């Protein structure tokens, strides 16, 4: 994960500055992994599955067995259903679809319901699910995607678009655990999907599918405000002429080496970017039509493959051996 703040010389928000950074960052020789190292990890998923790890070797997965559920997957104990997201009284005919998941320091599970626009929290001791937020300043969330936990337990999450409005209507939010309400961090984003924070909580990475880029924000440790300081343009990194060919991006994750893993949802690939130098490390093929969720687990990358309703495990050790100093 990123251990140092990105240089201010890369903080030009102007398009030319970001383009220049991305052009320099592009690797001259992109290495493709030799043979597939993907192994089946778990089956029985429904819809789009997001994942996170609990620090005890277990994997938490959304939409396990059916939509609106969360399951725990363990190599030793197998898989089990943890809970179902309750539906509001007024929405009993709807179906919850949990597409984002995170775990806070108190082992409480946070999930995002994209269908009903809710941030939910599961308390393991009481086994109760409560709604933390479903609106901001009176407006209901239209769609939610990814979630992560920052310093002080504050919750960061993305909304790809609004039902009303044209153009780029996506937003980035922080749920302040002190005031117990959501705060708008950035708007006018073009399909913000995956998000993740580095280990010290000072840098926030946001995938903007509509622009084919990864935006990097610094987080002010005093007031929690954010400032965009850099961007990775995937078309330049992947040597693609038209950024539209990148398609949608799913979830993203960052490891202790500062390598950022980006789900190229529509391409069935994962791009690995070294954020210390802005270069593309490798592109991992999932040998499928799409890859949605990502999670780092032990020495592997877990990937949820919607068409196979399964999670696959990719051994990262050979990749690390090829590139790590």
Protein backbone atom coordinates (compact mmCIF):
# COMPACT_ATOMS: atom_id res chain seq x y z
CA UNK A 1 0.00 0.00 0.00
CA UNK A 2 1.16 3.55 -0.61
CA UNK A 3 3.39 4.59 2.27
CA UNK A 4 4.25 8.09 1.08
CA UNK A 5 2.14 10.95 -0.17
CA UNK A 6 2.25 11.51 -3.92
CA UNK A 7 4.58 14.37 -4.97
CA UNK A 8 2.97 17.76 -5.31
CA UNK A 9 4.62 18.09 -8.72
CA UNK A 10 2.06 15.54 -9.90
CA UNK A 11 -0.82 17.40 -8.33
CA UNK A 12 -1.81 19.42 -11.38
CA UNK A 13 -5.51 18.92 -11.81
CA UNK A 14 -5.41 20.48 -15.25
CA UNK A 15 -5.90 18.00 -18.05
CA UNK A 16 -2.50 18.65 -19.60
CA UNK A 17 -0.78 17.95 -16.31
CA UNK A 18 -2.59 14.67 -15.82
CA UNK A 19 -2.01 13.64 -19.42
CA UNK A 20 1.68 14.37 -19.12
CA UNK A 21 1.92 12.32 -15.96
CA UNK A 22 0.10 9.38 -17.52
CA UNK A 23 2.27 9.49 -20.64
CA UNK A 24 5.48 9.39 -18.63
CA UNK A 25 4.05 6.66 -16.44
CA UNK A 26 3.40 4.25 -19.27
CA UNK A 27 5.67 1.23 -19.20
CA UNK A 28 7.77 0.58 -22.28
CA UNK A 29 7.47 -3.17 -21.98
CA UNK A 30 4.23 -4.56 -20.63
CA UNK A 31 4.74 -8.11 -19.45
CA UNK A 32 1.91 -10.58 -19.81
CA UNK A 33 1.85 -13.48 -17.37
CA UNK A 34 2.82 -16.83 -18.93
CA UNK A 35 0.06 -19.29 -18.15
CA UNK A 36 -3.14 -18.94 -16.20
CA UNK A 37 -2.64 -19.33 -12.48
CA UNK A 38 -6.32 -18.94 -11.63
CA UNK A 39 -7.81 -21.60 -9.40
CA UNK A 40 -11.40 -22.04 -8.32
CA UNK A 41 -11.83 -20.73 -4.78
CA UNK A 42 -15.58 -20.69 -4.11
CA UNK A 43 -18.88 -21.20 -5.94
CA UNK A 44 -22.53 -20.53 -5.25
CA UNK A 45 -22.61 -16.79 -5.87
CA UNK A 46 -25.47 -14.76 -7.30
CA UNK A 47 -25.23 -11.55 -9.28
CA UNK A 48 -22.27 -9.25 -8.73
CA UNK A 49 -20.07 -10.21 -5.79
CA UNK A 50 -17.82 -7.90 -3.79
CA UNK A 51 -15.32 -9.28 -1.26
CA UNK A 52 -13.14 -8.35 1.67
CA UNK A 53 -11.04 -10.27 4.21
CA UNK A 54 -11.56 -10.30 7.97
CA UNK A 55 -7.91 -10.56 9.00
CA UNK A 56 -8.40 -14.11 10.26
CA UNK A 57 -8.05 -15.86 6.93
CA UNK A 58 -11.75 -15.70 6.10
CA UNK A 59 -13.31 -14.06 3.06
CA UNK A 60 -16.59 -12.15 3.27
CA UNK A 61 -18.60 -12.16 0.04
CA UNK A 62 -21.80 -10.40 -0.96
CA UNK A 63 -24.71 -12.04 -2.77
CA UNK A 64 -23.69 -15.46 -1.50
CA UNK A 65 -26.25 -18.10 -2.54
CA UNK A 66 -28.79 -15.38 -3.36
CA UNK A 67 -29.03 -11.63 -3.83
CA UNK A 68 -28.96 -9.45 -0.73
CA UNK A 69 -26.90 -11.80 1.42
CA UNK A 70 -23.38 -11.96 2.87
CA UNK A 71 -21.46 -15.19 3.38
CA UNK A 72 -18.21 -16.13 5.10
CA UNK A 73 -15.80 -18.42 3.25
CA UNK A 74 -13.10 -20.28 5.14
CA UNK A 75 -10.59 -22.80 3.85
CA UNK A 76 -10.95 -24.83 7.03
CA UNK A 77 -14.65 -24.48 7.83
CA UNK A 78 -16.10 -24.06 4.36
CA UNK A 79 -18.74 -21.47 3.54
CA UNK A 80 -21.72 -20.28 5.54
CA UNK A 81 -24.42 -17.63 5.22
CA UNK A 82 -23.94 -14.78 7.69
CA UNK A 83 -26.97 -12.56 7.13
CA UNK A 84 -29.53 -11.21 4.69
CA UNK A 85 -30.10 -7.51 4.21
CA UNK A 86 -33.61 -6.68 5.45
CA UNK A 87 -35.89 -4.79 3.09
CA UNK A 88 -37.67 -1.59 4.12
CA UNK A 89 -41.40 -1.96 4.73
CA UNK A 90 -42.16 0.21 1.71
CA UNK A 91 -39.88 -1.85 -0.56
CA UNK A 92 -40.88 -5.43 0.21
CA UNK A 93 -41.32 -6.16 -3.49
CA UNK A 94 -37.74 -5.11 -4.24
CA UNK A 95 -34.59 -7.22 -4.11
CA UNK A 96 -31.44 -6.00 -2.40
CA UNK A 97 -28.22 -6.29 -4.38
CA UNK A 98 -25.09 -5.86 -2.28
CA UNK A 99 -22.19 -4.78 -4.50
CA UNK A 100 -19.75 -3.25 -1.99
CA UNK A 101 -18.38 -4.56 1.31
CA UNK A 102 -15.86 -3.51 3.96
CA UNK A 103 -14.97 -4.38 7.55
CA UNK A 104 -14.27 -1.80 10.25
CA UNK A 105 -11.89 -2.08 13.21
CA UNK A 106 -14.71 -3.39 15.42
CA UNK A 107 -15.35 -6.27 12.99
CA UNK A 108 -18.64 -4.76 11.88
CA UNK A 109 -19.52 -5.46 8.27
CA UNK A 110 -20.46 -2.53 6.03
CA UNK A 111 -22.28 -3.25 2.77
CA UNK A 112 -23.79 -1.16 -0.02
CA UNK A 113 -27.19 -1.96 -1.48
CA UNK A 114 -27.06 -0.67 -5.05
CA UNK A 115 -30.70 -1.45 -5.76
CA UNK A 116 -32.15 0.60 -2.89
CA UNK A 117 -29.25 3.01 -2.36
CA UNK A 118 -28.43 2.09 1.24
CA UNK A 119 -25.33 1.92 3.41
CA UNK A 120 -25.90 -0.98 5.82
CA UNK A 121 -23.99 -2.15 8.89
CA UNK A 122 -24.07 -5.64 10.41
CA UNK A 123 -23.29 -6.02 14.12
CA UNK A 124 -21.84 -9.52 14.73
CA UNK A 125 -22.70 -9.56 18.45
CA UNK A 126 -26.37 -8.69 18.08
CA UNK A 127 -26.64 -10.03 14.52
CA UNK A 128 -28.62 -6.92 13.64
CA UNK A 129 -28.48 -5.00 10.36
CA UNK A 130 -29.09 -1.26 10.47
CA UNK A 131 -29.22 1.43 7.80
CA UNK A 132 -26.52 4.05 8.30
CA UNK A 133 -27.50 6.23 5.36
CA UNK A 134 -29.82 6.17 2.38
CA UNK A 135 -29.85 9.85 1.44
CA UNK A 136 -27.92 13.09 1.60
CA UNK A 137 -29.56 16.46 2.19
CA UNK A 138 -32.95 14.87 1.60
CA UNK A 139 -32.02 13.21 -1.71
CA UNK A 140 -32.13 9.43 -1.87
CA UNK A 141 -29.03 7.71 -3.21
CA UNK A 142 -29.80 6.33 -6.66
CA UNK A 143 -26.94 3.86 -6.99
CA UNK A 144 -24.02 2.88 -4.78
CA UNK A 145 -20.97 0.81 -5.70
CA UNK A 146 -17.82 0.57 -3.56
CA UNK A 147 -16.97 1.21 0.09
CA UNK A 148 -13.85 1.42 2.25
CA UNK A 149 -12.95 2.41 5.80
CA UNK A 150 -10.64 5.34 6.50
CA UNK A 151 -8.96 6.94 9.52
CA UNK A 152 -11.15 7.20 12.61
CA UNK A 153 -13.56 4.66 11.20
CA UNK A 154 -15.02 7.09 8.67
CA UNK A 155 -16.69 5.37 5.73
CA UNK A 156 -15.97 6.29 2.11
CA UNK A 157 -18.27 5.19 -0.71
CA UNK A 158 -19.08 5.93 -4.34
CA UNK A 159 -22.28 6.64 -6.26
CA UNK A 160 -21.75 6.05 -10.01
CA UNK A 161 -24.67 8.16 -11.23
CA UNK A 162 -27.97 9.79 -10.40
CA UNK A 163 -31.27 8.88 -11.97
CA UNK A 164 -31.91 12.53 -12.80
CA UNK A 165 -29.40 14.68 -14.62
CA UNK A 166 -27.31 14.41 -17.77
CA UNK A 167 -23.59 13.93 -18.19
CA UNK A 168 -21.26 13.10 -15.33
CA UNK A 169 -23.40 12.88 -12.18
CA UNK A 170 -21.33 10.50 -10.06
CA UNK A 171 -20.24 11.38 -6.54
CA UNK A 172 -17.86 10.41 -3.77
CA UNK A 173 -18.94 10.52 -0.13
CA UNK A 174 -17.65 10.14 3.40
CA UNK A 175 -19.92 8.97 6.21
CA UNK A 176 -18.69 10.82 9.29
CA UNK A 177 -18.98 8.54 12.31
CA UNK A 178 -18.86 11.53 14.68
CA UNK A 179 -21.76 13.47 13.16
CA UNK A 180 -23.44 10.26 11.96
CA UNK A 181 -24.21 11.69 8.53
CA UNK A 182 -22.79 11.54 4.98
CA UNK A 183 -20.68 14.35 3.52
CA UNK A 184 -20.16 15.06 -0.18
CA UNK A 185 -16.45 14.91 -1.07
CA UNK A 186 -16.57 15.23 -4.87
CA UNK A 187 -19.26 15.39 -7.52
CA UNK A 188 -19.40 15.67 -11.30
CA UNK A 189 -17.52 12.38 -11.55
CA UNK A 190 -18.07 10.12 -14.56
CA UNK A 191 -19.18 6.69 -13.34
CA UNK A 192 -17.04 6.36 -10.19
CA UNK A 193 -17.00 2.68 -9.33
CA UNK A 194 -14.19 1.02 -7.37
CA UNK A 195 -12.48 2.87 -4.52
CA UNK A 196 -9.75 1.98 -2.01
CA UNK A 197 -7.53 3.69 0.56
CA UNK A 198 -3.86 3.05 1.18
CA UNK A 199 -2.62 1.64 4.49
CA UNK A 200 -2.15 4.98 6.26
CA UNK A 201 -5.45 6.34 5.03
CA UNK A 202 -3.88 9.39 3.40
CA UNK A 203 -4.54 8.50 -0.24
CA UNK A 204 -7.86 7.53 -1.80
CA UNK A 205 -8.01 5.89 -5.24
CA UNK A 206 -11.19 6.18 -7.32
CA UNK A 207 -11.92 4.42 -10.61
CA UNK A 208 -13.87 6.61 -13.04
CA UNK A 209 -15.23 4.22 -15.64
CA UNK A 210 -16.67 6.97 -17.82
CA UNK A 211 -13.24 8.54 -18.28
CA UNK A 212 -11.13 5.40 -18.20
CA UNK A 213 -8.91 6.67 -15.42
CA UNK A 214 -7.95 6.25 -11.78
CA UNK A 215 -8.08 9.47 -9.77
CA UNK A 216 -5.90 9.88 -6.69
CA UNK A 217 -7.04 12.06 -3.80
CA UNK A 218 -5.19 13.04 -0.65
CA UNK A 219 -7.20 13.04 2.57
CA UNK A 220 -6.75 15.84 5.06
CA UNK A 221 -6.23 14.11 8.40
CA UNK A 222 -7.69 17.08 10.30
CA UNK A 223 -11.04 17.68 8.64
CA UNK A 224 -11.33 14.67 6.29
CA UNK A 225 -11.54 16.82 3.15
CA UNK A 226 -10.05 15.53 -0.10
CA UNK A 227 -7.99 17.03 -2.92
CA UNK A 228 -7.29 15.44 -6.29
CA UNK A 229 -3.54 15.21 -6.84
CA UNK A 230 -3.00 12.82 -9.75
CA UNK A 231 -4.62 10.54 -12.31
CA UNK A 232 -3.69 7.34 -14.15
CA UNK A 233 -5.07 7.25 -17.71
CA UNK A 234 -5.60 3.58 -18.52
CA UNK A 235 -5.72 4.07 -22.29
CA UNK A 236 -2.13 5.31 -22.19
CA UNK A 237 -0.97 2.66 -19.73
CA UNK A 238 -2.60 -0.15 -21.72
CA UNK A 239 -1.64 1.34 -25.11
CA UNK A 240 -5.27 1.55 -26.25
CA UNK A 241 -6.24 4.16 -28.85
CA UNK A 242 -9.82 4.69 -27.71
CA UNK A 243 -10.54 4.89 -23.99
CA UNK A 244 -14.05 3.58 -24.67
CA UNK A 245 -12.47 0.18 -25.40
CA UNK A 246 -11.59 -0.09 -21.72
CA UNK A 247 -15.27 -0.37 -20.83
CA UNK A 248 -16.50 -0.49 -17.27
CA UNK A 249 -14.24 -0.88 -14.29
CA UNK A 250 -15.22 -2.85 -11.22
CA UNK A 251 -13.53 -2.92 -7.83
CA UNK A 252 -9.94 -1.96 -7.09
CA UNK A 253 -7.46 -2.94 -4.36
CA UNK A 254 -3.97 -1.88 -3.29
CA UNK A 255 -1.29 -4.00 -1.60
CA UNK A 256 1.65 -3.29 0.70
CA UNK A 257 3.97 -2.84 -2.30
CA UNK A 258 1.88 0.10 -3.52
CA UNK A 259 0.61 -1.98 -6.43
CA UNK A 260 -2.91 -1.08 -7.47
CA UNK A 261 -5.13 -3.83 -8.88
CA UNK A 262 -7.85 -2.54 -11.21
CA UNK A 263 -10.75 -4.71 -12.35
CA UNK A 264 -11.33 -4.16 -16.08
CA UNK A 265 -14.86 -5.45 -15.80
CA UNK A 266 -15.82 -5.68 -19.49
CA UNK A 267 -12.42 -6.97 -20.61
CA UNK A 268 -12.16 -9.82 -18.12
CA UNK A 269 -8.76 -8.56 -17.01
CA UNK A 270 -7.03 -6.98 -14.04
CA UNK A 271 -4.49 -4.21 -14.62
CA UNK A 272 -1.68 -4.00 -12.06
CA UNK A 273 -0.19 -0.51 -11.63
CA UNK A 274 2.88 0.34 -9.56
CA UNK A 275 1.79 3.60 -7.93
CA UNK A 276 5.33 4.45 -6.82
CA UNK A 277 6.35 5.12 -10.44
CA UNK A 278 3.03 5.12 -12.30
CA UNK A 279 4.00 2.22 -14.57
CA UNK A 280 1.91 -0.74 -15.64
CA UNK A 281 3.27 -3.93 -14.09
CA UNK A 282 1.18 -6.57 -15.84
CA UNK A 283 -2.30 -7.32 -17.11
CA UNK A 284 -3.81 -10.44 -15.58
CA UNK A 285 -6.27 -12.32 -17.77
CA UNK A 286 -9.19 -13.93 -15.97
CA UNK A 287 -10.09 -16.00 -19.05
CA UNK A 288 -13.70 -14.86 -18.82
CA UNK A 289 -15.98 -12.19 -20.22
CA UNK A 290 -15.86 -10.13 -17.06
CA UNK A 291 -14.34 -9.69 -13.62
CA UNK A 292 -16.10 -7.64 -10.94
CA UNK A 293 -14.86 -7.93 -7.35
CA UNK A 294 -11.27 -7.97 -6.12
CA UNK A 295 -9.72 -8.74 -2.75
CA UNK A 296 -6.17 -9.40 -1.58
CA UNK A 297 -5.97 -12.59 0.43
CA UNK A 298 -2.69 -14.01 1.76
CA UNK A 299 -0.36 -14.18 -1.28
CA UNK A 300 -3.20 -14.20 -3.77
CA UNK A 301 -5.68 -12.00 -5.58
CA UNK A 302 -9.30 -13.11 -5.34
CA UNK A 303 -11.52 -12.25 -8.31
CA UNK A 304 -15.29 -12.68 -8.59
CA UNK A 305 -16.39 -13.83 -12.05
CA UNK A 306 -20.12 -13.10 -12.58
CA UNK A 307 -20.62 -15.43 -15.56
CA UNK A 308 -19.26 -18.37 -13.56
CA UNK A 309 -20.96 -17.34 -10.29
CA UNK A 310 -17.66 -18.08 -8.59
CA UNK A 311 -14.55 -16.63 -6.98
CA UNK A 312 -11.15 -17.49 -8.45
CA UNK A 313 -7.77 -17.30 -6.78
CA UNK A 314 -4.70 -15.95 -8.61
CA UNK A 315 -1.31 -16.71 -7.04
CA UNK A 316 0.61 -13.44 -6.93
CA UNK A 317 3.98 -14.89 -5.94
CA UNK A 318 5.24 -15.48 -9.51
CA UNK A 319 4.17 -11.95 -10.50
CA UNK A 320 5.91 -10.49 -7.46
CA UNK A 321 9.02 -12.50 -8.26
CA UNK A 322 9.12 -11.08 -11.78
CA UNK A 323 8.78 -7.44 -10.76
CA UNK A 324 9.42 -6.78 -7.08
CA UNK A 325 12.89 -5.34 -6.36
